[in-house]
Amino acid sequence: MISRYTYGELLWIDVQSPTQGEIRSLMEEFNLHQLVANELLLPTVRPKVDLYPHFIYLILHFPTISHKHDGGHDQEIDFIIGKKFIITTHYNVIDSLHEFSKIFEVNSILEKSNMGDHSGFILFYILKELYKMLDRELDHINHDFGDIESKIFSGKERDMVNAISHLNRDLLNFKQAIRPHKEVLESFEIAGTKFFGQEFSYYLRSISGEFYKVSSILDGHRETLLELRDTNDSLLTTKTNDIMKTLTITAFILLPLTFIGQLFGMSIDRIPFGGNPNAFWIILGTMGIVGICLFGYFKFFKKWM
């Protein structure tokens, strides 16, 4: 599906799930290279930037955590940036592009901004919105941190093992998706300066700044998650040690009682109290006294309970 938006002499074409016919028409209209046209039809594994005589071809992947539409872990966007046009292609719904298209249509923000005289400024605003989307994705994790922290200290450490593992997986996928952005944006800054001129380099550096801000927030979330995992593991270890200590003390108390019971249960002639009618109660009382003494020893003397 092709959507066209205009701002003065500038043209933005947004294509979702492009077909061969749509790519062929764009190829003829904007004189796109055959290699670029082929890559637009299918998702690309790695981000990249290529400089052509009359356009720049840029591919970036943007991870998602809370807004997954097609079950994927990241969303690819291909950018073809010419002097007076920009083409974006993607293979699923991207909320930030949808919201930016509404803004672009009414020109509510663009009329208040210096759009300049080329499409590089449109790319600048689109990428700023996309990195804001990543910022919101990471901000969503803050709520998960608060929920996990409250449950850790409310005795639900075992349940939080899975929650922390799933959140760690999401952050790892997020980091893996944006890791190549650094090299790609550095290359794009060089290509964009050559293509649009030195005066546009400030905006290109500003795009890199948006990436570094997201990367810094991600690193902070990773450190927070590691601290939460260490805290949860410590509490689990402490709880397990307490259980093992209780079981060990219980077994140690029962051991002499079992020995006494087995001793007086032996079938021999001269067993103590063998002929006493109150032998059962005497032996039971002895076992009780021994058990109470051992319990008191561990609880009040050793402070193990």
Protein backbone atom coordinates (compact mmCIF):
# COMPACT_ATOMS: atom_id res chain seq x y z
CA MET A 1 0.00 0.00 0.00
CA ILE A 2 1.43 3.37 -1.06
CA SER A 3 0.63 6.64 0.73
CA ARG A 4 1.83 10.01 -0.61
CA TYR A 5 2.31 13.18 1.43
CA THR A 6 3.55 16.56 0.23
CA TYR A 7 4.98 19.63 1.93
CA GLY A 8 5.71 22.39 -0.54
CA GLU A 9 8.04 20.89 -3.11
CA LEU A 10 8.93 17.97 -0.86
CA LEU A 11 7.37 14.53 -1.29
CA TRP A 12 7.16 11.70 1.21
CA ILE A 13 6.03 8.28 0.00
CA ASP A 14 5.29 5.64 2.62
CA VAL A 15 4.95 2.03 1.45
CA GLN A 16 3.71 -0.80 3.67
CA SER A 17 4.30 -4.41 2.56
CA PRO A 18 5.29 -3.40 -0.99
CA THR A 19 4.32 -5.56 -3.96
CA GLN A 20 6.40 -6.09 -7.09
CA GLY A 21 4.11 -3.79 -9.06
CA GLU A 22 4.46 -0.99 -6.50
CA ILE A 23 8.23 -1.34 -6.40
CA ARG A 24 8.38 -1.34 -10.19
CA SER A 25 6.36 1.89 -10.39
CA LEU A 26 8.60 3.57 -7.79
CA MET A 27 11.67 2.32 -9.61
CA GLU A 28 10.50 3.92 -12.83
CA GLU A 29 9.29 7.16 -11.21
CA PHE A 30 12.42 7.85 -9.16
CA ASN A 31 15.02 6.02 -11.26
CA LEU A 32 15.94 3.61 -8.45
CA HIS A 33 18.80 1.18 -8.87
CA GLN A 34 17.80 -2.43 -9.54
CA LEU A 35 19.67 -3.67 -6.45
CA VAL A 36 17.71 -1.27 -4.24
CA ALA A 37 14.42 -2.29 -5.83
CA ASN A 38 15.18 -5.95 -5.17
CA GLU A 39 16.00 -5.30 -1.52
CA LEU A 40 12.75 -3.40 -0.96
CA LEU A 41 10.67 -6.51 -1.63
CA LEU A 42 11.97 -8.57 1.29
CA PRO A 43 13.26 -7.77 4.80
CA THR A 44 17.01 -7.33 5.15
CA VAL A 45 18.95 -8.95 7.97
CA ARG A 46 21.56 -6.23 8.54
CA PRO A 47 21.19 -2.42 8.62
CA LYS A 48 23.28 -0.51 6.12
CA VAL A 49 23.71 2.77 4.24
CA ASP A 50 24.61 3.17 0.55
CA LEU A 51 25.28 6.41 -1.31
CA TYR A 52 24.04 6.58 -4.91
CA PRO A 53 24.42 9.51 -7.33
CA HIS A 54 20.93 10.93 -6.71
CA PHE A 55 19.77 9.28 -3.48
CA ILE A 56 20.90 7.62 -0.24
CA TYR A 57 19.67 4.14 0.69
CA LEU A 58 19.40 3.56 4.45
CA ILE A 59 18.14 0.49 6.33
CA LEU A 60 17.49 0.49 10.10
CA HIS A 61 15.80 -1.95 12.47
CA PHE A 62 13.78 -0.69 15.42
CA PRO A 63 13.02 -3.13 18.26
CA THR A 64 9.64 -3.33 19.98
CA ILE A 65 8.67 -4.65 23.39
CA SER A 66 5.21 -3.39 24.27
CA HIS A 67 3.85 -2.75 20.74
CA LYS A 68 4.32 -5.86 18.62
CA HIS A 69 1.86 -6.05 15.73
CA ASP A 70 2.98 -9.09 13.76
CA GLY A 71 4.76 -11.00 16.51
CA GLY A 72 8.19 -9.82 15.40
CA HIS A 73 10.94 -8.62 17.66
CA ASP A 74 12.02 -5.69 15.50
CA GLN A 75 10.65 -3.58 12.67
CA GLU A 76 12.66 -2.81 9.56
CA ILE A 77 12.36 0.51 7.76
CA ASP A 78 14.06 1.19 4.43
CA PHE A 79 14.71 4.85 3.59
CA ILE A 80 15.41 6.17 0.10
CA ILE A 81 16.36 9.83 0.48
CA GLY A 82 16.61 12.06 -2.56
CA LYS A 83 16.93 15.83 -2.78
CA LYS A 84 13.20 16.49 -2.96
CA PHE A 85 11.70 13.13 -2.05
CA ILE A 86 11.92 10.45 0.60
CA ILE A 87 10.54 6.91 0.37
CA THR A 88 9.98 4.74 3.46
CA THR A 89 9.12 1.06 3.15
CA HIS A 90 8.24 -1.33 5.94
CA TYR A 91 6.59 -4.72 6.29
CA ASN A 92 4.24 -4.20 9.24
CA VAL A 93 2.42 -1.41 11.02
CA ILE A 94 4.75 1.08 12.71
CA ASP A 95 2.97 3.34 15.15
CA SER A 96 5.47 6.19 14.96
CA LEU A 97 5.22 6.45 11.17
CA HIS A 98 1.44 6.35 11.39
CA GLU A 99 1.41 9.16 13.95
CA PHE A 100 3.95 11.18 11.96
CA SER A 101 1.84 10.86 8.82
CA LYS A 102 -1.05 12.57 10.64
CA ILE A 103 1.26 15.39 11.70
CA PHE A 104 2.64 15.66 8.19
CA GLU A 105 -0.80 15.82 6.66
CA VAL A 106 -1.95 18.78 8.75
CA ASN A 107 1.53 20.37 8.86
CA SER A 108 0.88 21.26 12.51
CA ILE A 109 4.47 20.79 13.60
CA LEU A 110 6.21 21.29 10.28
CA GLU A 111 4.92 24.85 9.83
CA LYS A 112 6.46 25.73 13.20
CA SER A 113 9.79 24.23 12.23
CA ASN A 114 12.48 25.04 9.72
CA MET A 115 11.88 22.30 7.20
CA GLY A 116 14.56 23.57 4.89
CA ASP A 117 14.58 22.97 1.18
CA HIS A 118 15.36 19.26 0.90
CA SER A 119 14.01 15.92 2.13
CA GLY A 120 16.81 15.41 4.63
CA PHE A 121 14.77 17.45 7.09
CA ILE A 122 11.81 15.10 6.69
CA LEU A 123 14.12 12.19 7.49
CA PHE A 124 15.40 14.12 10.51
CA TYR A 125 11.88 14.46 11.96
CA ILE A 126 10.96 10.85 11.14
CA LEU A 127 14.05 9.45 12.86
CA LYS A 128 13.47 11.67 15.88
CA GLU A 129 9.96 10.20 16.19
CA LEU A 130 11.29 6.66 15.79
CA TYR A 131 13.88 7.15 18.54
CA LYS A 132 11.20 8.69 20.73
CA MET A 133 9.27 5.48 20.16
CA LEU A 134 12.26 3.51 21.45
CA ASP A 135 12.42 5.86 24.44
CA ARG A 136 8.76 5.11 25.20
CA GLU A 137 9.42 1.38 24.83
CA LEU A 138 12.16 1.60 27.45
CA ASP A 139 10.01 3.80 29.66
CA HIS A 140 7.44 1.01 29.63
CA ILE A 141 10.06 -1.23 31.26
CA ASN A 142 10.26 1.13 34.24
CA HIS A 143 6.77 -0.01 35.24
CA ASP A 144 7.96 -3.63 35.04
CA PHE A 145 10.91 -2.78 37.29
CA GLY A 146 8.59 -1.32 39.93
CA ASP A 147 6.31 -4.35 39.80
CA ILE A 148 9.21 -6.80 40.04
CA GLU A 149 10.83 -4.91 42.91
CA SER A 150 7.63 -4.84 44.96
CA LYS A 151 7.05 -8.58 44.43
CA ILE A 152 10.66 -9.46 45.26
CA PHE A 153 10.33 -7.90 48.70
CA SER A 154 6.86 -9.32 49.29
CA GLY A 155 8.02 -12.95 49.33
CA LYS A 156 7.49 -13.83 45.66
CA GLU A 157 11.14 -14.32 44.77
CA ARG A 158 10.56 -17.67 43.07
CA ASP A 159 7.88 -16.23 40.75
CA MET A 160 10.17 -13.33 39.83
CA VAL A 161 12.85 -15.64 38.42
CA ASN A 162 10.80 -16.12 35.23
CA ALA A 163 9.73 -12.46 35.11
CA ILE A 164 13.34 -11.26 35.35
CA SER A 165 14.47 -13.80 32.74
CA HIS A 166 11.80 -12.70 30.26
CA LEU A 167 12.60 -9.02 30.79
CA ASN A 168 16.31 -9.73 30.39
CA ARG A 169 15.55 -11.50 27.09
CA ASP A 170 13.61 -8.45 25.86
CA LEU A 171 16.45 -6.11 26.76
CA LEU A 172 19.00 -8.36 25.06
CA ASN A 173 16.90 -8.44 21.88
CA PHE A 174 16.52 -4.66 22.11
CA LYS A 175 20.26 -4.14 22.49
CA GLN A 176 21.04 -6.56 19.67
CA ALA A 177 18.67 -4.70 17.34
CA ILE A 178 20.06 -1.20 17.96
CA ARG A 179 23.75 -2.13 18.31
CA PRO A 180 24.44 -1.66 14.55
CA HIS A 181 22.82 1.81 14.59
CA LYS A 182 26.04 3.42 15.82
CA GLU A 183 28.15 2.38 12.82
CA VAL A 184 25.29 2.92 10.35
CA LEU A 185 24.52 6.43 11.62
CA GLU A 186 28.21 7.35 11.55
CA SER A 187 28.38 6.24 7.92
CA PHE A 188 25.12 8.02 7.18
CA GLU A 189 26.49 11.24 8.67
CA ILE A 190 29.36 11.14 6.18
CA ALA A 191 27.09 10.25 3.25
CA GLY A 192 24.45 12.81 4.25
CA THR A 193 27.04 15.59 4.53
CA LYS A 194 28.29 14.79 1.03
CA PHE A 195 24.76 14.59 -0.35
CA PHE A 196 23.06 17.55 1.36
CA GLY A 197 26.03 19.77 2.21
CA GLN A 198 27.98 20.73 5.30
CA GLU A 199 25.18 22.89 6.73
CA PHE A 200 23.08 19.76 7.27
CA SER A 201 25.75 18.03 9.40
CA TYR A 202 24.29 19.46 12.63
CA TYR A 203 21.00 17.63 12.04
CA LEU A 204 22.86 14.44 11.22
CA ARG A 205 24.80 14.65 14.50
CA SER A 206 21.52 15.34 16.29
CA ILE A 207 20.13 12.04 14.94
CA SER A 208 23.18 10.24 16.34
CA GLY A 209 22.54 12.02 19.65
CA GLU A 210 19.02 10.54 19.79
CA PHE A 211 20.54 7.07 19.35
CA TYR A 212 23.11 7.63 22.11
CA LYS A 213 20.36 8.78 24.46
CA VAL A 214 18.39 5.58 23.86
CA SER A 215 21.55 3.49 24.19
CA SER A 216 22.38 5.16 27.52
CA ILE A 217 18.87 4.48 28.87
CA LEU A 218 19.14 0.86 27.72
CA ASP A 219 22.48 0.40 29.52
CA GLY A 220 20.93 1.85 32.67
CA HIS A 221 18.01 -0.57 32.44
CA ARG A 222 20.42 -3.46 31.99
CA GLU A 223 22.32 -2.47 35.13
CA THR A 224 19.08 -2.10 37.08
CA LEU A 225 17.89 -5.51 35.94
CA LEU A 226 21.18 -7.13 36.94
CA GLU A 227 20.90 -5.55 40.39
CA LEU A 228 17.33 -6.82 40.74
CA ARG A 229 18.41 -10.30 39.66
CA ASP A 230 21.29 -10.32 42.17
CA THR A 231 18.93 -9.17 44.92
CA ASN A 232 16.36 -11.79 43.99
CA ASP A 233 19.02 -14.53 43.87
CA SER A 234 20.34 -13.45 47.28
CA LEU A 235 16.89 -13.59 48.83
CA LEU A 236 16.23 -16.98 47.24
CA THR A 237 19.57 -18.29 48.51
CA THR A 238 18.84 -16.97 52.01
CA LYS A 239 15.40 -18.54 52.01
CA THR A 240 16.82 -21.86 50.76
CA ASN A 241 19.54 -21.77 53.43
CA ASP A 242 16.91 -21.15 56.11
CA ILE A 243 14.89 -24.11 54.89
CA MET A 244 17.96 -26.35 54.79
CA LYS A 245 18.99 -25.21 58.28
CA THR A 246 15.50 -25.95 59.66
CA LEU A 247 15.47 -29.40 58.06
CA THR A 248 18.96 -30.14 59.36
CA ILE A 249 18.08 -29.09 62.92
CA THR A 250 14.85 -31.11 62.77
CA ALA A 251 16.77 -34.18 61.60
CA PHE A 252 19.37 -33.65 64.34
CA ILE A 253 16.65 -33.44 67.02
CA LEU A 254 14.87 -36.54 65.70
CA LEU A 255 18.07 -38.59 65.49
CA PRO A 256 18.54 -39.20 69.27
CA LEU A 257 14.79 -39.71 69.66
CA THR A 258 14.87 -42.37 66.97
CA PHE A 259 17.88 -43.95 68.66
CA ILE A 260 16.04 -44.08 72.01
CA GLY A 261 12.97 -45.56 70.37
CA GLN A 262 14.99 -48.20 68.56
CA LEU A 263 17.00 -49.01 71.70
CA PHE A 264 13.97 -49.69 73.84
CA GLY A 265 12.30 -51.53 71.01
CA MET A 266 14.97 -54.25 70.98
CA SER A 267 13.76 -57.74 71.90
CA ILE A 268 16.17 -58.57 74.74
CA ASP A 269 15.50 -59.86 78.24
CA ARG A 270 17.18 -57.21 80.40
CA ILE A 271 15.93 -54.07 78.79
CA PRO A 272 15.49 -51.18 81.30
CA PHE A 273 11.92 -50.74 82.52
CA GLY A 274 11.06 -53.96 80.76
CA GLY A 275 8.77 -55.09 83.55
CA ASN A 276 7.46 -51.70 84.54
CA PRO A 277 3.80 -51.11 83.58
CA ASN A 278 4.59 -47.42 83.05
CA ALA A 279 7.58 -48.09 80.82
CA PHE A 280 5.93 -46.57 77.73
CA TRP A 281 5.25 -43.26 79.47
CA ILE A 282 8.70 -43.16 81.05
CA ILE A 283 10.40 -43.70 77.68
CA LEU A 284 8.05 -41.22 75.95
CA GLY A 285 8.75 -38.61 78.63
CA THR A 286 12.50 -39.17 78.30
CA MET A 287 12.27 -38.68 74.57
CA GLY A 288 10.23 -35.51 75.07
CA ILE A 289 12.73 -34.08 77.56
CA VAL A 290 15.64 -34.85 75.23
CA GLY A 291 13.79 -33.22 72.29
CA ILE A 292 12.93 -30.10 74.31
CA CYS A 293 16.49 -29.77 75.55
CA LEU A 294 17.90 -30.03 72.01
CA PHE A 295 15.34 -27.56 70.69
CA GLY A 296 16.20 -25.08 73.44
CA TYR A 297 19.90 -25.54 72.80
CA PHE A 298 19.56 -24.68 69.10
CA LYS A 299 17.07 -21.86 69.63
CA PHE A 300 18.35 -20.01 72.70
CA PHE A 301 22.02 -20.97 72.96
CA LYS A 302 23.10 -21.28 69.34
CA LYS A 303 20.46 -18.87 67.96
CA TRP A 304 19.98 -21.06 64.90
CA MET A 305 16.20 -20.93 64.92
